[in-house]
PDB file of N, CA and C in Angstrom:
ATOM      1  N   MET A   1      50.555 -34.978  27.950  1.00  0.00           N
ATOM      2  CA  MET A   1      49.937 -34.122  27.596  1.00  0.00           C
ATOM      3  C   MET A   1      48.409 -34.822  27.260  1.00  0.00           C
ATOM      4  N   SER A   2      47.577 -33.372  27.649  1.00  0.00           N
ATOM      5  CA  SER A   2      46.351 -34.236  27.415  1.00  0.00           C
ATOM      6  C   SER A   2      45.691 -33.260  26.218  1.00  0.00           C
ATOM      7  N   SER A   3      44.964 -34.086  25.406  1.00  0.00           N
ATOM      8  CA  SER A   3      44.425 -33.471  24.146  1.00  0.00           C
ATOM      9  C   SER A   3      43.004 -32.812  24.420  1.00  0.00           C
ATOM     10  N   HIS A   4      42.935 -32.896  25.741  1.00  0.00           N
ATOM     11  CA  HIS A   4      41.717 -31.820  26.344  1.00  0.00           C
ATOM     12  C   HIS A   4      41.810 -30.452  26.131  1.00  0.00           C
ATOM     13  N   ARG A   5      40.933 -29.477  25.349  1.00  0.00           N
ATOM     14  CA  ARG A   5      41.086 -28.286  25.586  1.00  0.00           C
ATOM     15  C   ARG A   5      40.147 -27.420  26.089  1.00  0.00           C
ATOM     16  N   ARG A   6      40.957 -26.658  26.658  1.00  0.00           N
ATOM     17  CA  ARG A   6      39.961 -25.736  27.723  1.00  0.00           C
ATOM     18  C   ARG A   6      38.939 -24.917  27.115  1.00  0.00           C
ATOM     19  N   PRO A   7      37.888 -24.752  27.859  1.00  0.00           N
ATOM     20  CA  PRO A   7      36.846 -23.659  27.309  1.00  0.00           C
ATOM     21  C   PRO A   7      37.423 -22.751  27.343  1.00  0.00           C
ATOM     22  N   GLY A   8      37.161 -21.621  26.484  1.00  0.00           N
ATOM     23  CA  GLY A   8      37.351 -20.414  26.426  1.00  0.00           C
ATOM     24  C   GLY A   8      36.867 -19.416  25.233  1.00  0.00           C
ATOM     25  N   ILE A   9      37.205 -18.306  25.374  1.00  0.00           N
ATOM     26  CA  ILE A   9      36.487 -17.588  24.016  1.00  0.00           C
ATOM     27  C   ILE A   9      36.919 -18.123  22.657  1.00  0.00           C
ATOM     28  N   ARG A  10      36.054 -17.971  21.729  1.00  0.00           N
ATOM     29  CA  ARG A  10      36.328 -18.642  20.622  1.00  0.00           C
ATOM     30  C   ARG A  10      36.116 -17.396  19.713  1.00  0.00           C
ATOM     31  N   LEU A  11      37.206 -17.224  18.961  1.00  0.00           N
ATOM     32  CA  LEU A  11      37.801 -15.845  18.212  1.00  0.00           C
ATOM     33  C   LEU A  11      37.100 -16.007  17.124  1.00  0.00           C
ATOM     34  N   ASP A  12      36.879 -17.176  16.336  1.00  0.00           N
ATOM     35  CA  ASP A  12      35.988 -17.040  15.261  1.00  0.00           C
ATOM     36  C   ASP A  12      34.626 -16.631  15.390  1.00  0.00           C
ATOM     37  N   ARG A  13      33.773 -17.190  16.213  1.00  0.00           N
ATOM     38  CA  ARG A  13      32.505 -16.840  16.676  1.00  0.00           C
ATOM     39  C   ARG A  13      32.474 -15.455  17.033  1.00  0.00           C
ATOM     40  N   VAL A  14      33.470 -14.811  17.908  1.00  0.00           N
ATOM     41  CA  VAL A  14      33.327 -13.284  18.153  1.00  0.00           C
ATOM     42  C   VAL A  14      33.626 -12.246  17.046  1.00  0.00           C
ATOM     43  N   SER A  15      34.654 -12.842  16.094  1.00  0.00           N
ATOM     44  CA  SER A  15      34.725 -12.118  14.895  1.00  0.00           C
ATOM     45  C   SER A  15      33.453 -12.013  13.946  1.00  0.00           C
ATOM     46  N   ARG A  16      32.647 -13.488  13.679  1.00  0.00           N
ATOM     47  CA  ARG A  16      31.530 -13.386  13.081  1.00  0.00           C
ATOM     48  C   ARG A  16      30.584 -12.425  13.649  1.00  0.00           C
ATOM     49  N   LEU A  17      30.202 -12.311  14.866  1.00  0.00           N
ATOM     50  CA  LEU A  17      29.377 -11.449  16.115  1.00  0.00           C
ATOM     51  C   LEU A  17      29.676  -9.808  15.504  1.00  0.00           C
ATOM     52  N   ALA A  18      31.124  -9.768  15.646  1.00  0.00           N
ATOM     53  CA  ALA A  18      31.460  -8.451  15.403  1.00  0.00           C
ATOM     54  C   ALA A  18      31.068  -8.037  13.819  1.00  0.00           C
ATOM     55  N   PHE A  19      31.205  -8.700  12.937  1.00  0.00           N
ATOM     56  CA  PHE A  19      31.297  -8.429  11.321  1.00  0.00           C
ATOM     57  C   PHE A  19      29.457  -8.439  11.049  1.00  0.00           C
ATOM     58  N   LEU A  20      28.860  -9.154  11.795  1.00  0.00           N
ATOM     59  CA  LEU A  20      27.056  -9.036  11.840  1.00  0.00           C
ATOM     60  C   LEU A  20      26.931  -7.578  12.777  1.00  0.00           C
ATOM     61  N   VAL A  21      27.403  -7.314  13.460  1.00  0.00           N
ATOM     62  CA  VAL A  21      27.021  -6.082  14.338  1.00  0.00           C
ATOM     63  C   VAL A  21      27.470  -5.026  13.213  1.00  0.00           C
ATOM     64  N   VAL A  22      28.636  -4.875  12.822  1.00  0.00           N
ATOM     65  CA  VAL A  22      29.289  -3.819  11.889  1.00  0.00           C
ATOM     66  C   VAL A  22      28.126  -3.754  10.569  1.00  0.00           C
ATOM     67  N   THR A  23      28.002  -5.063  10.195  1.00  0.00           N
ATOM     68  CA  THR A  23      27.164  -4.972   8.853  1.00  0.00           C
ATOM     69  C   THR A  23      25.789  -4.036   9.018  1.00  0.00           C
ATOM     70  N   VAL A  24      25.115  -4.714  10.204  1.00  0.00           N
ATOM     71  CA  VAL A  24      23.829  -4.226  10.304  1.00  0.00           C
ATOM     72  C   VAL A  24      23.947  -2.555  10.712  1.00  0.00           C
ATOM     73  N   GLY A  25      25.035  -2.248  11.450  1.00  0.00           N
ATOM     74  CA  GLY A  25      25.333  -0.533  11.687  1.00  0.00           C
ATOM     75  C   GLY A  25      25.373   0.036  10.522  1.00  0.00           C
ATOM     76  N   VAL A  26      25.986  -0.463   9.569  1.00  0.00           N
ATOM     77  CA  VAL A  26      26.204   0.136   8.207  1.00  0.00           C
ATOM     78  C   VAL A  26      24.960   0.390   7.357  1.00  0.00           C
ATOM     79  N   LEU A  27      24.333  -0.993   7.241  1.00  0.00           N
ATOM     80  CA  LEU A  27      22.935  -0.963   6.583  1.00  0.00           C
ATOM     81  C   LEU A  27      22.153   0.209   7.378  1.00  0.00           C
ATOM     82  N   ALA A  28      22.028   0.152   8.488  1.00  0.00           N
ATOM     83  CA  ALA A  28      21.171   0.961   9.254  1.00  0.00           C
ATOM     84  C   ALA A  28      21.406   2.545   9.272  1.00  0.00           C
ATOM     85  N   LEU A  29      22.646   2.766   8.538  1.00  0.00           N
ATOM     86  CA  LEU A  29      23.142   4.317   8.020  1.00  0.00           C
ATOM     87  C   LEU A  29      22.701   4.581   6.940  1.00  0.00           C
ATOM     88  N   TYR A  30      22.269   3.663   6.114  1.00  0.00           N
ATOM     89  CA  TYR A  30      21.664   3.748   4.615  1.00  0.00           C
ATOM     90  C   TYR A  30      20.034   3.945   4.430  1.00  0.00           C
ATOM     91  N   VAL A  31      19.352   3.682   5.843  1.00  0.00           N
ATOM     92  CA  VAL A  31      18.166   3.571   5.590  1.00  0.00           C
ATOM     93  C   VAL A  31      17.722   4.947   5.490  1.00  0.00           C
ATOM     94  N   GLY A  32      18.029   6.037   6.352  1.00  0.00           N
ATOM     95  CA  GLY A  32      17.539   7.426   6.580  1.00  0.00           C
ATOM     96  C   GLY A  32      17.640   8.068   4.664  1.00  0.00           C
ATOM     97  N   PRO A  33      18.957   7.994   4.465  1.00  0.00           N
ATOM     98  CA  PRO A  33      19.116   8.486   3.459  1.00  0.00           C
ATOM     99  C   PRO A  33      18.219   7.914   2.225  1.00  0.00           C
ATOM    100  N   LEU A  34      17.953   6.509   2.188  1.00  0.00           N
ATOM    101  CA  LEU A  34      17.280   5.797   1.041  1.00  0.00           C
ATOM    102  C   LEU A  34      15.843   6.210   1.087  1.00  0.00           C
ATOM    103  N   HIS A  35      15.561   6.431   2.351  1.00  0.00           N
ATOM    104  CA  HIS A  35      13.970   6.976   2.448  1.00  0.00           C
ATOM    105  C   HIS A  35      13.771   8.349   2.264  1.00  0.00           C
ATOM    106  N   SER A  36      14.822   9.114   2.277  1.00  0.00           N
ATOM    107  CA  SER A  36      14.746  10.712   1.774  1.00  0.00           C
ATOM    108  C   SER A  36      14.858  10.333   0.448  1.00  0.00           C
ATOM    109  N   TYR A  37      15.697   9.897  -0.282  1.00  0.00           N
ATOM    110  CA  TYR A  37      15.927   9.900  -1.643  1.00  0.00           C
ATOM    111  C   TYR A  37      14.332   9.250  -2.356  1.00  0.00           C
ATOM    112  N   VAL A  38      13.837   8.264  -1.932  1.00  0.00           N
ATOM    113  CA  VAL A  38      12.567   7.809  -2.325  1.00  0.00           C
ATOM    114  C   VAL A  38      11.396   8.676  -2.355  1.00  0.00           C
ATOM    115  N   THR A  39      11.536   9.416  -1.149  1.00  0.00           N
ATOM    116  CA  THR A  39      10.252  10.383  -0.885  1.00  0.00           C
ATOM    117  C   THR A  39      10.491  11.523  -1.549  1.00  0.00           C
ATOM    118  N   THR A  40      11.747  12.039  -1.807  1.00  0.00           N
ATOM    119  CA  THR A  40      12.027  13.005  -2.719  1.00  0.00           C
ATOM    120  C   THR A  40      11.862  13.006  -4.077  1.00  0.00           C
ATOM    121  N   ARG A  41      11.939  11.905  -4.728  1.00  0.00           N
ATOM    122  CA  ARG A  41      11.718  11.263  -5.932  1.00  0.00           C
ATOM    123  C   ARG A  41      10.363  11.323  -6.147  1.00  0.00           C
ATOM    124  N   GLY A  42       9.469  10.680  -5.557  1.00  0.00           N
ATOM    125  CA  GLY A  42       8.098  10.848  -5.661  1.00  0.00           C
ATOM    126  C   GLY A  42       7.541  12.355  -5.578  1.00  0.00           C
ATOM    127  N   GLU A  43       8.322  13.234  -4.819  1.00  0.00           N
ATOM    128  CA  GLU A  43       7.560  14.522  -4.712  1.00  0.00           C
ATOM    129  C   GLU A  43       7.952  15.165  -6.156  1.00  0.00           C
ATOM    130  N   ALA A  44       9.248  15.003  -6.593  1.00  0.00           N
ATOM    131  CA  ALA A  44       9.967  15.361  -7.747  1.00  0.00           C
ATOM    132  C   ALA A  44       8.783  14.875  -8.969  1.00  0.00           C
ATOM    133  N   ALA A  45       8.181  14.010  -8.796  1.00  0.00           N
ATOM    134  CA  ALA A  45       7.411  13.335  -9.853  1.00  0.00           C
ATOM    135  C   ALA A  45       6.176  14.124  -9.821  1.00  0.00           C
ATOM    136  N   GLN A  46       5.551  14.634  -8.767  1.00  0.00           N
ATOM    137  CA  GLN A  46       4.271  15.021  -8.389  1.00  0.00           C
ATOM    138  C   GLN A  46       4.622  16.805  -9.202  1.00  0.00           C
ATOM    139  N   LYS A  47       5.598  17.164  -8.529  1.00  0.00           N
ATOM    140  CA  LYS A  47       5.775  18.636  -8.978  1.00  0.00           C
ATOM    141  C   LYS A  47       6.007  18.774 -10.731  1.00  0.00           C
ATOM    142  N   ARG A  48       6.328  17.675 -11.321  1.00  0.00           N
ATOM    143  CA  ARG A  48       6.553  17.526 -12.687  1.00  0.00           C
ATOM    144  C   ARG A  48       5.198  17.472 -13.467  1.00  0.00           C
ATOM    145  N   GLN A  49       4.555  16.774 -12.495  1.00  0.00           N
ATOM    146  CA  GLN A  49       3.056  16.623 -13.246  1.00  0.00           C
ATOM    147  C   GLN A  49       2.153  17.927 -12.787  1.00  0.00           C
ATOM    148  N   ASP A  50       2.228  18.911 -11.838  1.00  0.00           N
ATOM    149  CA  ASP A  50       1.725  19.722 -11.471  1.00  0.00           C
ATOM    150  C   ASP A  50       1.994  21.107 -12.403  1.00  0.00           C
ATOM    151  N   VAL A  51       3.566  20.824 -12.666  1.00  0.00           N
ATOM    152  CA  VAL A  51       4.148  21.976 -13.727  1.00  0.00           C
ATOM    153  C   VAL A  51       3.438  21.887 -14.933  1.00  0.00           C
ATOM    154  N   ALA A  52       3.034  20.811 -15.392  1.00  0.00           N
ATOM    155  CA  ALA A  52       2.648  20.207 -16.928  1.00  0.00           C
ATOM    156  C   ALA A  52       1.027  20.841 -16.986  1.00  0.00           C
ATOM    157  N   GLU A  53       0.414  20.438 -15.782  1.00  0.00           N
ATOM    158  CA  GLU A  53      -0.861  20.968 -15.646  1.00  0.00           C
ATOM    159  C   GLU A  53      -0.816  22.697 -15.900  1.00  0.00           C
ATOM    160  N   LEU A  54      -0.058  23.032 -14.923  1.00  0.00           N
ATOM    161  CA  LEU A  54      -0.286  24.694 -14.986  1.00  0.00           C
ATOM    162  C   LEU A  54       0.352  25.469 -16.366  1.00  0.00           C
ATOM    163  N   ARG A  55       1.316  24.443 -17.126  1.00  0.00           N
ATOM    164  CA  ARG A  55       1.497  25.169 -18.416  1.00  0.00           C
ATOM    165  C   ARG A  55       0.477  24.803 -19.356  1.00  0.00           C
ATOM    166  N   LYS A  56      -0.277  23.649 -19.274  1.00  0.00           N
ATOM    167  CA  LYS A  56      -1.400  23.693 -20.234  1.00  0.00           C
ATOM    168  C   LYS A  56      -2.373  24.879 -19.701  1.00  0.00           C
ATOM    169  N   GLU A  57      -2.755  24.800 -18.317  1.00  0.00           N
ATOM    170  CA  GLU A  57      -3.830  25.975 -18.006  1.00  0.00           C
ATOM    171  C   GLU A  57      -3.298  27.337 -18.362  1.00  0.00           C
ATOM    172  N   ASN A  58      -2.130  27.714 -18.678  1.00  0.00           N
ATOM    173  CA  ASN A  58      -1.611  28.591 -19.288  1.00  0.00           C
ATOM    174  C   ASN A  58      -1.826  28.815 -20.520  1.00  0.00           C
ATOM    175  N   ARG A  59      -1.391  27.867 -21.292  1.00  0.00           N
ATOM    176  CA  ARG A  59      -1.502  28.255 -22.809  1.00  0.00           C
ATOM    177  C   ARG A  59      -3.160  28.569 -23.324  1.00  0.00           C
ATOM    178  N   GLU A  60      -3.867  27.682 -22.594  1.00  0.00           N
ATOM    179  CA  GLU A  60      -5.612  28.059 -22.421  1.00  0.00           C
ATOM    180  C   GLU A  60      -5.757  29.394 -22.107  1.00  0.00           C
ATOM    181  N   LEU A  61      -5.068  29.945 -21.045  1.00  0.00           N
ATOM    182  CA  LEU A  61      -5.734  31.090 -20.611  1.00  0.00           C
ATOM    183  C   LEU A  61      -5.201  32.330 -21.403  1.00  0.00           C
ATOM    184  N   ARG A  62      -3.939  32.111 -21.855  1.00  0.00           N
ATOM    185  CA  ARG A  62      -3.188  32.814 -23.210  1.00  0.00           C
ATOM    186  C   ARG A  62      -4.203  33.048 -24.360  1.00  0.00           C
ATOM    187  N   ALA A  63      -4.537  31.990 -24.853  1.00  0.00           N
ATOM    188  CA  ALA A  63      -5.549  31.865 -25.913  1.00  0.00           C
ATOM    189  C   ALA A  63      -6.717  32.259 -26.065  1.00  0.00           C
ATOM    190  N   ARG A  64      -7.306  32.389 -24.355  1.00  0.00           N
ATOM    191  CA  ARG A  64      -8.846  33.030 -24.347  1.00  0.00           C
ATOM    192  C   ARG A  64      -8.210  34.521 -24.327  1.00  0.00           C
ATOM    193  N   ARG A  65      -7.207  34.906 -23.429  1.00  0.00           N
ATOM    194  CA  ARG A  65      -7.126  36.468 -23.493  1.00  0.00           C
ATOM    195  C   ARG A  65      -6.755  36.781 -25.027  1.00  0.00           C
ATOM    196  N   ALA A  66      -5.915  36.275 -25.925  1.00  0.00           N
ATOM    197  CA  ALA A  66      -5.452  36.675 -27.120  1.00  0.00           C
ATOM    198  C   ALA A  66      -7.243  36.586 -27.754  1.00  0.00           C
ATOM    199  N   ALA A  67      -8.214  35.799 -27.602  1.00  0.00           N
ATOM    200  CA  ALA A  67      -9.489  35.805 -28.008  1.00  0.00           C
ATOM    201  C   ALA A  67     -10.297  36.948 -27.836  1.00  0.00           C
ATOM    202  N   LEU A  68     -10.347  36.974 -26.351  1.00  0.00           N
ATOM    203  CA  LEU A  68     -10.957  38.379 -25.836  1.00  0.00           C
ATOM    204  C   LEU A  68     -10.557  39.887 -26.365  1.00  0.00           C
ATOM    205  N   LYS A  69      -9.232  39.827 -26.765  1.00  0.00           N
ATOM    206  CA  LYS A  69      -8.941  41.152 -27.415  1.00  0.00           C
ATOM    207  C   LYS A  69      -9.621  41.664 -28.761  1.00  0.00           C
ATOM    208  N   ASP A  70     -10.110  40.863 -29.145  1.00  0.00           N
ATOM    209  CA  ASP A  70     -11.261  41.043 -30.359  1.00  0.00           C
ATOM    210  C   ASP A  70     -12.408  41.452 -29.830  1.00  0.00           C
ATOM    211  N   ARG A  71     -12.604  42.884 -30.271  1.00  0.00           N
ATOM    212  CA  ARG A  71     -14.071  43.431 -29.750  1.00  0.00           C
ATOM    213  C   ARG A  71     -15.355  42.577 -29.789  1.00  0.00           C
ATOM    214  N   GLY A  72     -15.366  42.065 -30.743  1.00  0.00           N
ATOM    215  CA  GLY A  72     -16.514  41.185 -31.060  1.00  0.00           C
ATOM    216  C   GLY A  72     -16.692  39.987 -29.829  1.00  0.00           C
ATOM    217  N   ALA A  73     -16.060  39.384 -29.677  1.00  0.00           N
ATOM    218  CA  ALA A  73     -15.630  38.372 -28.800  1.00  0.00           C
ATOM    219  C   ALA A  73     -15.930  38.880 -27.365  1.00  0.00           C
ATOM    220  N   LEU A  74     -15.429  39.881 -26.986  1.00  0.00           N
ATOM    221  CA  LEU A  74     -15.779  40.586 -25.823  1.00  0.00           C
ATOM    222  C   LEU A  74     -17.045  41.077 -25.702  1.00  0.00           C
ATOM    223  N   GLU A  75     -17.550  41.320 -26.653  1.00  0.00           N
ATOM    224  CA  GLU A  75     -19.033  41.813 -26.369  1.00  0.00           C
ATOM    225  C   GLU A  75     -20.071  40.537 -26.394  1.00  0.00           C
ATOM    226  N   GLN A  76     -19.537  39.439 -27.119  1.00  0.00           N
ATOM    227  CA  GLN A  76     -20.181  38.316 -26.976  1.00  0.00           C
ATOM    228  C   GLN A  76     -20.144  37.688 -25.538  1.00  0.00           C
ATOM    229  N   GLU A  77     -19.090  38.058 -25.140  1.00  0.00           N
ATOM    230  CA  GLU A  77     -18.880  37.451 -23.480  1.00  0.00           C
ATOM    231  C   GLU A  77     -19.750  38.255 -22.624  1.00  0.00           C
ATOM    232  N   ALA A  78     -19.823  39.609 -22.947  1.00  0.00           N
ATOM    233  CA  ALA A  78     -20.670  40.375 -21.657  1.00  0.00           C
ATOM    234  C   ALA A  78     -22.039  40.148 -22.038  1.00  0.00           C
ATOM    235  N   ARG A  79     -22.345  39.756 -23.443  1.00  0.00           N
ATOM    236  CA  ARG A  79     -23.911  39.398 -23.585  1.00  0.00           C
ATOM    237  C   ARG A  79     -24.229  38.158 -22.609  1.00  0.00           C
ATOM    238  N   LYS A  80     -23.297  37.075 -22.986  1.00  0.00           N
ATOM    239  CA  LYS A  80     -23.695  35.857 -22.000  1.00  0.00           C
ATOM    240  C   LYS A  80     -23.849  36.264 -20.706  1.00  0.00           C
ATOM    241  N   LEU A  81     -23.106  37.143 -20.024  1.00  0.00           N
ATOM    242  CA  LEU A  81     -23.148  37.626 -18.747  1.00  0.00           C
ATOM    243  C   LEU A  81     -24.369  38.180 -18.430  1.00  0.00           C
ATOM    244  N   GLY A  82     -25.123  38.655 -19.674  1.00  0.00           N
ATOM    245  CA  GLY A  82     -26.408  39.363 -19.071  1.00  0.00           C
ATOM    246  C   GLY A  82     -26.141  41.045 -19.267  1.00  0.00           C
ATOM    247  N   MET A  83     -25.255  41.349 -19.816  1.00  0.00           N
ATOM    248  CA  MET A  83     -24.834  42.759 -20.031  1.00  0.00           C
ATOM    249  C   MET A  83     -25.290  43.312 -21.218  1.00  0.00           C
ATOM    250  N   VAL A  84     -26.009  44.761 -21.387  1.00  0.00           N
ATOM    251  CA  VAL A  84     -26.431  45.497 -22.288  1.00  0.00           C
ATOM    252  C   VAL A  84     -25.499  46.830 -22.505  1.00  0.00           C
ATOM    253  N   ARG A  85     -25.844  47.201 -23.949  1.00  0.00           N
ATOM    254  CA  ARG A  85     -24.950  48.458 -24.000  1.00  0.00           C
ATOM    255  C   ARG A  85     -26.212  49.659 -23.434  1.00  0.00           C
ATOM    256  N   PRO A  86     -25.400  50.813 -23.333  1.00  0.00           N
ATOM    257  CA  PRO A  86     -26.140  51.739 -22.543  1.00  0.00           C
ATOM    258  C   PRO A  86     -27.336  52.349 -23.488  1.00  0.00           C
ATOM    259  N   GLY A  87     -28.784  52.328 -23.144  1.00  0.00           N
ATOM    260  CA  GLY A  87     -29.475  52.846 -24.184  1.00  0.00           C
ATOM    261  C   GLY A  87     -30.124  51.451 -24.414  1.00  0.00           C
ATOM    262  N   GLU A  88     -29.817  50.214 -24.453  1.00  0.00           N
ATOM    263  CA  GLU A  88     -30.563  49.110 -24.942  1.00  0.00           C
ATOM    264  C   GLU A  88     -31.527  48.589 -23.877  1.00  0.00           C
ATOM    265  N   ARG A  89     -32.645  47.838 -24.137  1.00  0.00           N
ATOM    266  CA  ARG A  89     -33.326  47.608 -23.414  1.00  0.00           C
ATOM    267  C   ARG A  89     -33.487  45.714 -23.217  1.00  0.00           C
ATOM    268  N   SER A  90     -33.297  44.881 -22.086  1.00  0.00           N
ATOM    269  CA  SER A  90     -32.680  43.744 -21.708  1.00  0.00           C
ATOM    270  C   SER A  90     -34.461  42.897 -21.818  1.00  0.00           C
ATOM    271  N   TYR A  91     -34.542  41.903 -22.314  1.00  0.00           N
ATOM    272  CA  TYR A  91     -35.902  41.011 -22.335  1.00  0.00           C
ATOM    273  C   TYR A  91     -35.369  39.925 -21.886  1.00  0.00           C
ATOM    274  N   VAL A  92     -36.203  39.051 -21.027  1.00  0.00           N
ATOM    275  CA  VAL A  92     -36.063  37.808 -20.420  1.00  0.00           C
ATOM    276  C   VAL A  92     -37.351  37.221 -21.487  1.00  0.00           C
ATOM    277  N   LEU A  93     -37.002  36.139 -22.104  1.00  0.00           N
ATOM    278  CA  LEU A  93     -37.981  35.258 -22.580  1.00  0.00           C
ATOM    279  C   LEU A  93     -37.867  33.774 -21.775  1.00  0.00           C
ATOM    280  N   ARG A  94     -38.810  33.318 -21.510  1.00  0.00           N
ATOM    281  CA  ARG A  94     -39.323  32.376 -20.777  1.00  0.00           C
ATOM    282  C   ARG A  94     -40.801  31.374 -21.390  1.00  0.00           C
ATOM    283  N   GLY A  95     -40.185  30.160 -21.344  1.00  0.00           N
ATOM    284  CA  GLY A  95     -41.475  29.039 -21.628  1.00  0.00           C
ATOM    285  C   GLY A  95     -41.020  28.877 -23.275  1.00  0.00           C
ATOM    286  N   LEU A  96     -40.051  28.967 -23.677  1.00  0.00           N
ATOM    287  CA  LEU A  96     -39.871  28.735 -25.107  1.00  0.00           C
ATOM    288  C   LEU A  96     -39.262  27.212 -25.249  1.00  0.00           C
ATOM    289  N   PRO A  97     -39.952  26.587 -26.335  1.00  0.00           N
ATOM    290  CA  PRO A  97     -39.605  25.093 -26.427  1.00  0.00           C
ATOM    291  C   PRO A  97     -38.134  24.934 -26.547  1.00  0.00           C
ATOM    292  N   SER A  98     -37.621  23.876 -25.960  1.00  0.00           N
ATOM    293  CA  SER A  98     -36.179  23.250 -26.084  1.00  0.00           C
ATOM    294  C   SER A  98     -35.846  22.863 -27.330  1.00  0.00           C
ATOM    295  N   GLU A  99     -34.856  22.933 -28.168  1.00  0.00           N
ATOM    296  CA  GLU A  99     -34.520  22.178 -29.478  1.00  0.00           C
ATOM    297  C   GLU A  99     -34.234  20.958 -29.020  1.00  0.00           C
TER     298      GLU A  99
END
């Protein structure tokens, strides 16, 4: 008998290669959902920030609306816009010294 082995397919190498291919394939299946998760998480953070800003603006606008319900405040805002009551005369003063 000869102790010389015949060259052939080495099953240990084939099984390692098959395991590597399957592992890479499984990891590739996770890339898409992982990217989607990261993107969605970033978008959600941005949306939360947008909502916080809009809530702040809403509070400010509600406070302004409440202040403008007062007749005196409404008249003051109208005067800032240059409006006058019927029968009043409007004057423009120019060249006044600044304070």
